[in-house]
Amino acid sequence: MIIVGVTGAGKSYIAQTLGQAACRRLIPTKYIHLLDLLDEFRIAKIKGAEAFIRLRRQYAKYNLLIIDEWLLFPISKDDSEILLSLIDRRQNARPTIIVSQLEPAEWLEQIPVPLADESITDRLSAKAHKITIEGIKSMRSI
């Protein structure tokens, strides 16, 4: 699932609500901002291959993974490899919810590796249900 909309539209709120509903049904769920996820993987990589593989397996096993703040900023080549590796392992196995201000076509500009940008975007968006929250008024001002 992909949730797209402007800042303050309620994207994170919807994603968190879906995550809480999953938790109430005892479905192992992880909610994380993209930059925090990438930091975890960078730290694991520094610790060594075993720590990195263990973390990747852990993320691949969550029955529901919610990644918020998806590709707000360009990522590095190494981050592209990490994301492709993770998304590839989850594809067709476990659901992933992506929360972003950018449309999937815009993700390509944020990923510096030409084949990885298409692979990541295609794997996440090809069969995804998409929620687009339209409007310019922030929920926070209501």
N, C-alpha and C. Protein backbone atom coordinates (compact mmCIF):
# COMPACT_ATOMS: atom_id res chain seq x y z
N MET A 1 0.85 -1.17 0.00
CA MET A 1 0.00 0.00 0.00
C MET A 1 0.90 1.23 0.00
N ILE A 2 0.46 2.24 -0.73
CA ILE A 2 1.17 3.51 -0.80
C ILE A 2 0.18 4.59 -0.38
N ILE A 3 0.60 5.41 0.58
CA ILE A 3 -0.22 6.53 1.02
C ILE A 3 0.54 7.81 0.66
N VAL A 4 -0.08 8.64 -0.18
CA VAL A 4 0.56 9.84 -0.69
C VAL A 4 -0.30 11.06 -0.38
N GLY A 5 0.36 12.15 -0.06
CA GLY A 5 -0.36 13.40 0.17
C GLY A 5 0.58 14.48 0.65
N VAL A 6 0.05 15.68 0.75
CA VAL A 6 0.86 16.82 1.18
C VAL A 6 1.14 16.75 2.68
N THR A 7 2.05 17.58 3.13
CA THR A 7 2.38 17.66 4.55
C THR A 7 1.13 17.99 5.35
N GLY A 8 0.92 17.24 6.43
CA GLY A 8 -0.20 17.51 7.32
C GLY A 8 -1.54 16.97 6.84
N ALA A 9 -1.55 16.19 5.77
CA ALA A 9 -2.81 15.68 5.22
C ALA A 9 -3.37 14.51 6.01
N GLY A 10 -2.55 13.89 6.85
CA GLY A 10 -3.03 12.76 7.64
C GLY A 10 -2.48 11.41 7.20
N LYS A 11 -1.45 11.42 6.38
CA LYS A 11 -0.86 10.17 5.87
C LYS A 11 -0.34 9.30 7.01
N SER A 12 0.47 9.88 7.86
CA SER A 12 1.05 9.12 8.97
C SER A 12 -0.03 8.63 9.92
N TYR A 13 -1.04 9.45 10.14
CA TYR A 13 -2.15 9.07 11.01
C TYR A 13 -2.84 7.82 10.48
N ILE A 14 -3.12 7.80 9.19
CA ILE A 14 -3.75 6.62 8.58
C ILE A 14 -2.85 5.40 8.69
N ALA A 15 -1.57 5.57 8.40
CA ALA A 15 -0.63 4.45 8.47
C ALA A 15 -0.53 3.92 9.90
N GLN A 16 -0.44 4.82 10.87
CA GLN A 16 -0.35 4.40 12.27
C GLN A 16 -1.63 3.70 12.72
N THR A 17 -2.77 4.17 12.24
CA THR A 17 -4.04 3.52 12.57
C THR A 17 -4.08 2.11 12.01
N LEU A 18 -3.62 1.94 10.79
CA LEU A 18 -3.57 0.59 10.19
C LEU A 18 -2.60 -0.30 10.98
N GLY A 19 -1.48 0.27 11.39
CA GLY A 19 -0.51 -0.47 12.19
C GLY A 19 -1.08 -0.89 13.54
N GLN A 20 -1.80 0.03 14.20
CA GLN A 20 -2.42 -0.30 15.49
C GLN A 20 -3.47 -1.39 15.33
N ALA A 21 -4.23 -1.33 14.24
CA ALA A 21 -5.24 -2.37 13.99
C ALA A 21 -4.55 -3.72 13.80
N ALA A 22 -3.44 -3.73 13.12
CA ALA A 22 -2.68 -4.98 12.93
C ALA A 22 -2.17 -5.49 14.28
N CYS A 23 -1.64 -4.61 15.09
CA CYS A 23 -1.14 -5.01 16.41
C CYS A 23 -2.25 -5.59 17.28
N ARG A 24 -3.43 -5.01 17.21
CA ARG A 24 -4.57 -5.53 17.98
C ARG A 24 -4.93 -6.95 17.56
N ARG A 25 -4.60 -7.28 16.34
CA ARG A 25 -4.84 -8.64 15.83
C ARG A 25 -3.60 -9.52 16.01
N LEU A 26 -2.64 -9.00 16.81
CA LEU A 26 -1.40 -9.71 17.13
C LEU A 26 -0.54 -9.99 15.91
N ILE A 27 -0.60 -9.10 14.93
CA ILE A 27 0.23 -9.20 13.74
C ILE A 27 1.52 -8.42 14.01
N PRO A 28 2.67 -9.09 13.96
CA PRO A 28 3.94 -8.39 14.19
C PRO A 28 4.12 -7.23 13.19
N THR A 29 4.22 -6.02 13.72
CA THR A 29 4.23 -4.81 12.91
C THR A 29 5.39 -3.92 13.32
N LYS A 30 5.98 -3.27 12.34
CA LYS A 30 7.06 -2.30 12.60
C LYS A 30 6.73 -1.02 11.86
N TYR A 31 6.71 0.11 12.60
CA TYR A 31 6.52 1.44 12.02
C TYR A 31 7.83 2.18 12.20
N ILE A 32 8.36 2.75 11.12
CA ILE A 32 9.64 3.45 11.22
C ILE A 32 9.74 4.50 10.11
N HIS A 33 10.45 5.58 10.42
CA HIS A 33 10.77 6.57 9.38
C HIS A 33 11.93 6.04 8.56
N LEU A 34 11.94 6.36 7.29
CA LEU A 34 12.97 5.85 6.39
C LEU A 34 14.38 6.17 6.89
N LEU A 35 14.62 7.40 7.32
CA LEU A 35 15.97 7.75 7.76
C LEU A 35 16.41 6.93 8.97
N ASP A 36 15.49 6.62 9.88
CA ASP A 36 15.82 5.78 11.03
C ASP A 36 16.13 4.35 10.58
N LEU A 37 15.37 3.85 9.62
CA LEU A 37 15.61 2.51 9.09
C LEU A 37 17.00 2.44 8.47
N LEU A 38 17.33 3.44 7.66
CA LEU A 38 18.65 3.45 7.02
C LEU A 38 19.77 3.58 8.04
N ASP A 39 19.55 4.39 9.09
CA ASP A 39 20.55 4.49 10.17
C ASP A 39 20.78 3.13 10.82
N GLU A 40 19.70 2.40 11.11
CA GLU A 40 19.84 1.07 11.71
C GLU A 40 20.68 0.16 10.84
N PHE A 41 20.44 0.19 9.54
CA PHE A 41 21.19 -0.66 8.63
C PHE A 41 22.65 -0.23 8.51
N ARG A 42 22.91 1.08 8.51
CA ARG A 42 24.30 1.56 8.46
C ARG A 42 25.07 1.11 9.69
N ILE A 43 24.45 1.22 10.85
CA ILE A 43 25.09 0.81 12.09
C ILE A 43 25.36 -0.69 12.08
N ALA A 44 24.37 -1.46 11.62
CA ALA A 44 24.55 -2.92 11.54
C ALA A 44 25.68 -3.27 10.58
N LYS A 45 25.79 -2.54 9.49
CA LYS A 45 26.86 -2.80 8.51
C LYS A 45 28.23 -2.56 9.13
N ILE A 46 28.34 -1.52 9.96
CA ILE A 46 29.60 -1.22 10.64
C ILE A 46 29.96 -2.35 11.60
N LYS A 47 28.95 -2.92 12.24
CA LYS A 47 29.17 -4.01 13.19
C LYS A 47 29.61 -5.30 12.50
N GLY A 48 29.33 -5.41 11.21
CA GLY A 48 29.77 -6.59 10.47
C GLY A 48 28.64 -7.26 9.71
N ALA A 49 29.05 -8.15 8.83
CA ALA A 49 28.10 -8.83 7.94
C ALA A 49 27.03 -9.59 8.71
N GLU A 50 27.41 -10.23 9.80
CA GLU A 50 26.44 -11.02 10.57
C GLU A 50 25.33 -10.13 11.16
N ALA A 51 25.70 -8.99 11.71
CA ALA A 51 24.72 -8.06 12.28
C ALA A 51 23.81 -7.51 11.18
N PHE A 52 24.39 -7.21 10.03
CA PHE A 52 23.62 -6.68 8.91
C PHE A 52 22.61 -7.71 8.42
N ILE A 53 23.04 -8.93 8.22
CA ILE A 53 22.15 -10.00 7.74
C ILE A 53 21.06 -10.27 8.75
N ARG A 54 21.39 -10.28 10.04
CA ARG A 54 20.40 -10.50 11.09
C ARG A 54 19.33 -9.42 11.06
N LEU A 55 19.74 -8.16 10.91
CA LEU A 55 18.79 -7.05 10.86
C LEU A 55 17.91 -7.14 9.62
N ARG A 56 18.50 -7.48 8.49
CA ARG A 56 17.73 -7.61 7.25
C ARG A 56 16.70 -8.72 7.38
N ARG A 57 17.07 -9.82 7.98
CA ARG A 57 16.12 -10.92 8.22
C ARG A 57 14.99 -10.47 9.13
N GLN A 58 15.35 -9.73 10.16
CA GLN A 58 14.34 -9.24 11.11
C GLN A 58 13.31 -8.37 10.38
N TYR A 59 13.78 -7.44 9.55
CA TYR A 59 12.87 -6.57 8.80
C TYR A 59 12.07 -7.35 7.76
N ALA A 60 12.65 -8.37 7.19
CA ALA A 60 11.94 -9.18 6.20
C ALA A 60 10.82 -9.99 6.86
N LYS A 61 10.95 -10.28 8.16
CA LYS A 61 9.99 -11.13 8.85
C LYS A 61 8.77 -10.39 9.40
N TYR A 62 8.86 -9.08 9.59
CA TYR A 62 7.69 -8.37 10.11
C TYR A 62 6.51 -8.64 9.19
N ASN A 63 5.40 -9.03 9.78
CA ASN A 63 4.22 -9.30 8.95
C ASN A 63 3.69 -8.04 8.30
N LEU A 64 3.93 -6.90 8.94
CA LEU A 64 3.57 -5.61 8.35
C LEU A 64 4.69 -4.63 8.65
N LEU A 65 5.22 -4.03 7.61
CA LEU A 65 6.26 -3.00 7.75
C LEU A 65 5.70 -1.70 7.20
N ILE A 66 5.73 -0.66 8.04
CA ILE A 66 5.27 0.66 7.63
C ILE A 66 6.47 1.59 7.62
N ILE A 67 6.79 2.14 6.44
CA ILE A 67 7.93 3.05 6.31
C ILE A 67 7.37 4.44 5.98
N ASP A 68 7.57 5.35 6.91
CA ASP A 68 7.07 6.73 6.78
C ASP A 68 8.19 7.64 6.29
N GLU A 69 7.81 8.81 5.80
CA GLU A 69 8.77 9.82 5.32
C GLU A 69 9.63 9.23 4.19
N TRP A 70 8.98 8.48 3.30
CA TRP A 70 9.66 7.75 2.23
C TRP A 70 10.26 8.71 1.19
N LEU A 71 11.56 8.65 1.06
CA LEU A 71 12.33 9.36 0.03
C LEU A 71 12.04 10.86 -0.05
N LEU A 72 11.96 11.49 1.12
CA LEU A 72 11.82 12.95 1.12
C LEU A 72 13.08 13.61 0.58
N PHE A 73 14.21 12.93 0.76
CA PHE A 73 15.50 13.44 0.32
C PHE A 73 16.19 12.38 -0.51
N PRO A 74 17.09 12.78 -1.40
CA PRO A 74 17.87 11.79 -2.15
C PRO A 74 18.67 10.90 -1.19
N ILE A 75 18.81 9.64 -1.56
CA ILE A 75 19.58 8.70 -0.75
C ILE A 75 20.88 8.34 -1.46
N SER A 76 21.77 7.70 -0.75
CA SER A 76 23.07 7.33 -1.32
C SER A 76 22.98 6.02 -2.08
N LYS A 77 24.05 5.69 -2.78
CA LYS A 77 24.14 4.42 -3.51
C LYS A 77 24.03 3.25 -2.52
N ASP A 78 24.73 3.34 -1.39
CA ASP A 78 24.67 2.28 -0.39
C ASP A 78 23.25 2.12 0.16
N ASP A 79 22.57 3.24 0.42
CA ASP A 79 21.20 3.17 0.90
C ASP A 79 20.28 2.54 -0.14
N SER A 80 20.55 2.81 -1.41
CA SER A 80 19.77 2.21 -2.50
C SER A 80 19.89 0.69 -2.47
N GLU A 81 21.10 0.22 -2.24
CA GLU A 81 21.33 -1.23 -2.18
C GLU A 81 20.60 -1.84 -0.99
N ILE A 82 20.64 -1.16 0.13
CA ILE A 82 19.95 -1.64 1.34
C ILE A 82 18.45 -1.74 1.08
N LEU A 83 17.87 -0.68 0.53
CA LEU A 83 16.43 -0.68 0.27
C LEU A 83 16.03 -1.75 -0.74
N LEU A 84 16.80 -1.88 -1.80
CA LEU A 84 16.48 -2.89 -2.81
C LEU A 84 16.53 -4.29 -2.20
N SER A 85 17.53 -4.53 -1.40
CA SER A 85 17.68 -5.83 -0.73
C SER A 85 16.49 -6.12 0.18
N LEU A 86 16.08 -5.14 0.95
CA LEU A 86 14.96 -5.32 1.87
C LEU A 86 13.63 -5.47 1.13
N ILE A 87 13.37 -4.58 0.20
CA ILE A 87 12.10 -4.61 -0.54
C ILE A 87 12.00 -5.90 -1.35
N ASP A 88 13.09 -6.32 -1.92
CA ASP A 88 13.09 -7.57 -2.70
C ASP A 88 12.70 -8.76 -1.83
N ARG A 89 13.19 -8.81 -0.61
CA ARG A 89 12.88 -9.92 0.29
C ARG A 89 11.42 -9.89 0.77
N ARG A 90 10.84 -8.72 0.82
CA ARG A 90 9.45 -8.60 1.29
C ARG A 90 8.43 -8.76 0.17
N GLN A 91 8.86 -8.53 -1.06
CA GLN A 91 7.93 -8.55 -2.19
C GLN A 91 7.19 -9.87 -2.27
N ASN A 92 5.88 -9.79 -2.42
CA ASN A 92 4.99 -10.95 -2.54
C ASN A 92 5.01 -11.87 -1.33
N ALA A 93 5.66 -11.46 -0.25
CA ALA A 93 5.72 -12.29 0.95
C ALA A 93 5.01 -11.63 2.13
N ARG A 94 5.25 -10.35 2.32
CA ARG A 94 4.70 -9.63 3.45
C ARG A 94 4.31 -8.22 3.00
N PRO A 95 3.22 -7.68 3.56
CA PRO A 95 2.80 -6.33 3.15
C PRO A 95 3.70 -5.23 3.72
N THR A 96 3.85 -4.21 2.90
CA THR A 96 4.62 -3.02 3.27
C THR A 96 3.76 -1.81 2.94
N ILE A 97 3.68 -0.89 3.88
CA ILE A 97 2.98 0.37 3.65
C ILE A 97 4.03 1.46 3.54
N ILE A 98 3.97 2.20 2.45
CA ILE A 98 4.89 3.32 2.21
C ILE A 98 4.10 4.61 2.36
N VAL A 99 4.64 5.54 3.15
CA VAL A 99 3.99 6.84 3.37
C VAL A 99 4.92 7.90 2.80
N SER A 100 4.41 8.68 1.83
CA SER A 100 5.30 9.62 1.15
C SER A 100 4.56 10.88 0.71
N GLN A 101 5.29 11.95 0.59
CA GLN A 101 4.75 13.17 -0.01
C GLN A 101 4.92 13.12 -1.52
N LEU A 102 5.72 12.19 -1.99
CA LEU A 102 6.02 12.09 -3.42
C LEU A 102 5.28 10.93 -4.07
N GLU A 103 4.89 11.12 -5.31
CA GLU A 103 4.30 10.06 -6.10
C GLU A 103 5.39 9.06 -6.49
N PRO A 104 5.03 7.79 -6.72
CA PRO A 104 6.05 6.81 -7.10
C PRO A 104 6.95 7.24 -8.26
N ALA A 105 6.42 7.91 -9.26
CA ALA A 105 7.25 8.36 -10.38
C ALA A 105 8.34 9.33 -9.92
N GLU A 106 8.07 10.07 -8.85
CA GLU A 106 9.05 11.02 -8.32
C GLU A 106 10.13 10.34 -7.50
N TRP A 107 9.89 9.12 -7.05
CA TRP A 107 10.89 8.39 -6.26
C TRP A 107 12.16 8.17 -7.08
N LEU A 108 11.99 8.00 -8.39
CA LEU A 108 13.12 7.70 -9.26
C LEU A 108 14.21 8.76 -9.14
N GLU A 109 13.80 10.01 -8.95
CA GLU A 109 14.76 11.11 -8.84
C GLU A 109 15.56 11.06 -7.54
N GLN A 110 15.06 10.36 -6.54
CA GLN A 110 15.69 10.34 -5.22
C GLN A 110 16.68 9.19 -5.05
N ILE A 111 16.68 8.26 -6.00
CA ILE A 111 17.52 7.06 -5.92
C ILE A 111 18.60 7.16 -6.99
N PRO A 112 19.88 7.20 -6.59
CA PRO A 112 20.95 7.48 -7.54
C PRO A 112 21.37 6.31 -8.45
N VAL A 113 20.89 5.13 -8.20
CA VAL A 113 21.29 3.97 -9.00
C VAL A 113 20.17 3.68 -10.00
N PRO A 114 20.42 3.88 -11.30
CA PRO A 114 19.36 3.76 -12.30
C PRO A 114 18.57 2.45 -12.27
N LEU A 115 19.19 1.33 -12.14
CA LEU A 115 18.43 0.08 -12.11
C LEU A 115 17.73 -0.12 -10.76
N ALA A 116 18.35 0.33 -9.71
CA ALA A 116 17.74 0.19 -8.38
C ALA A 116 16.51 1.07 -8.26
N ASP A 117 16.55 2.27 -8.83
CA ASP A 117 15.38 3.16 -8.72
C ASP A 117 14.15 2.53 -9.35
N GLU A 118 14.32 1.95 -10.53
CA GLU A 118 13.18 1.30 -11.19
C GLU A 118 12.75 0.04 -10.45
N SER A 119 13.71 -0.74 -9.97
CA SER A 119 13.39 -1.99 -9.28
C SER A 119 12.63 -1.73 -7.98
N ILE A 120 13.11 -0.80 -7.19
CA ILE A 120 12.45 -0.48 -5.92
C ILE A 120 11.05 0.07 -6.18
N THR A 121 10.95 1.02 -7.08
CA THR A 121 9.66 1.64 -7.38
C THR A 121 8.68 0.62 -7.94
N ASP A 122 9.13 -0.21 -8.84
CA ASP A 122 8.25 -1.22 -9.44
C ASP A 122 7.79 -2.23 -8.40
N ARG A 123 8.70 -2.72 -7.58
CA ARG A 123 8.33 -3.73 -6.57
C ARG A 123 7.30 -3.19 -5.58
N LEU A 124 7.43 -1.90 -5.24
CA LEU A 124 6.50 -1.32 -4.26
C LEU A 124 5.18 -0.87 -4.87
N SER A 125 5.19 -0.46 -6.11
CA SER A 125 3.98 0.15 -6.66
C SER A 125 3.20 -0.70 -7.66
N ALA A 126 3.80 -1.74 -8.20
CA ALA A 126 3.14 -2.51 -9.27
C ALA A 126 1.77 -3.04 -8.87
N LYS A 127 1.67 -3.66 -7.71
CA LYS A 127 0.40 -4.26 -7.27
C LYS A 127 -0.17 -3.55 -6.04
N ALA A 128 0.35 -2.37 -5.77
CA ALA A 128 -0.03 -1.67 -4.54
C ALA A 128 -1.41 -1.03 -4.63
N HIS A 129 -2.09 -1.03 -3.50
CA HIS A 129 -3.27 -0.19 -3.34
C HIS A 129 -2.73 1.19 -2.99
N LYS A 130 -3.31 2.21 -3.58
CA LYS A 130 -2.79 3.56 -3.35
C LYS A 130 -3.89 4.44 -2.77
N ILE A 131 -3.53 5.14 -1.71
CA ILE A 131 -4.42 6.13 -1.12
C ILE A 131 -3.78 7.49 -1.37
N THR A 132 -4.49 8.35 -2.05
CA THR A 132 -4.01 9.71 -2.29
C THR A 132 -4.90 10.65 -1.50
N ILE A 133 -4.28 11.38 -0.60
CA ILE A 133 -5.01 12.35 0.21
C ILE A 133 -4.82 13.71 -0.45
N GLU A 134 -5.91 14.22 -0.99
CA GLU A 134 -5.83 15.49 -1.70
C GLU A 134 -6.22 16.63 -0.78
N GLY A 135 -5.82 17.79 -1.14
CA GLY A 135 -6.13 18.96 -0.35
C GLY A 135 -4.88 19.70 0.02
N ILE A 136 -5.05 20.94 0.38
CA ILE A 136 -3.90 21.76 0.74
C ILE A 136 -3.94 22.20 2.19
N LYS A 137 -5.05 21.92 2.87
CA LYS A 137 -5.18 22.33 4.27
C LYS A 137 -4.64 21.25 5.19
N SER A 138 -3.80 21.60 6.09
CA SER A 138 -3.23 20.65 7.04
C SER A 138 -4.25 20.23 8.09
N MET A 139 -4.26 18.95 8.41
CA MET A 139 -5.12 18.46 9.49
C MET A 139 -4.74 19.10 10.82
N ARG A 140 -3.49 19.48 10.93
CA ARG A 140 -3.00 20.05 12.20
C ARG A 140 -3.63 21.40 12.50
N SER A 141 -4.16 22.07 11.49
CA SER A 141 -4.75 23.39 11.72
C SER A 141 -6.25 23.30 11.99
N ILE A 142 -6.79 22.10 11.96
CA ILE A 142 -8.24 21.93 12.18
C ILE A 142 -8.53 21.92 13.67
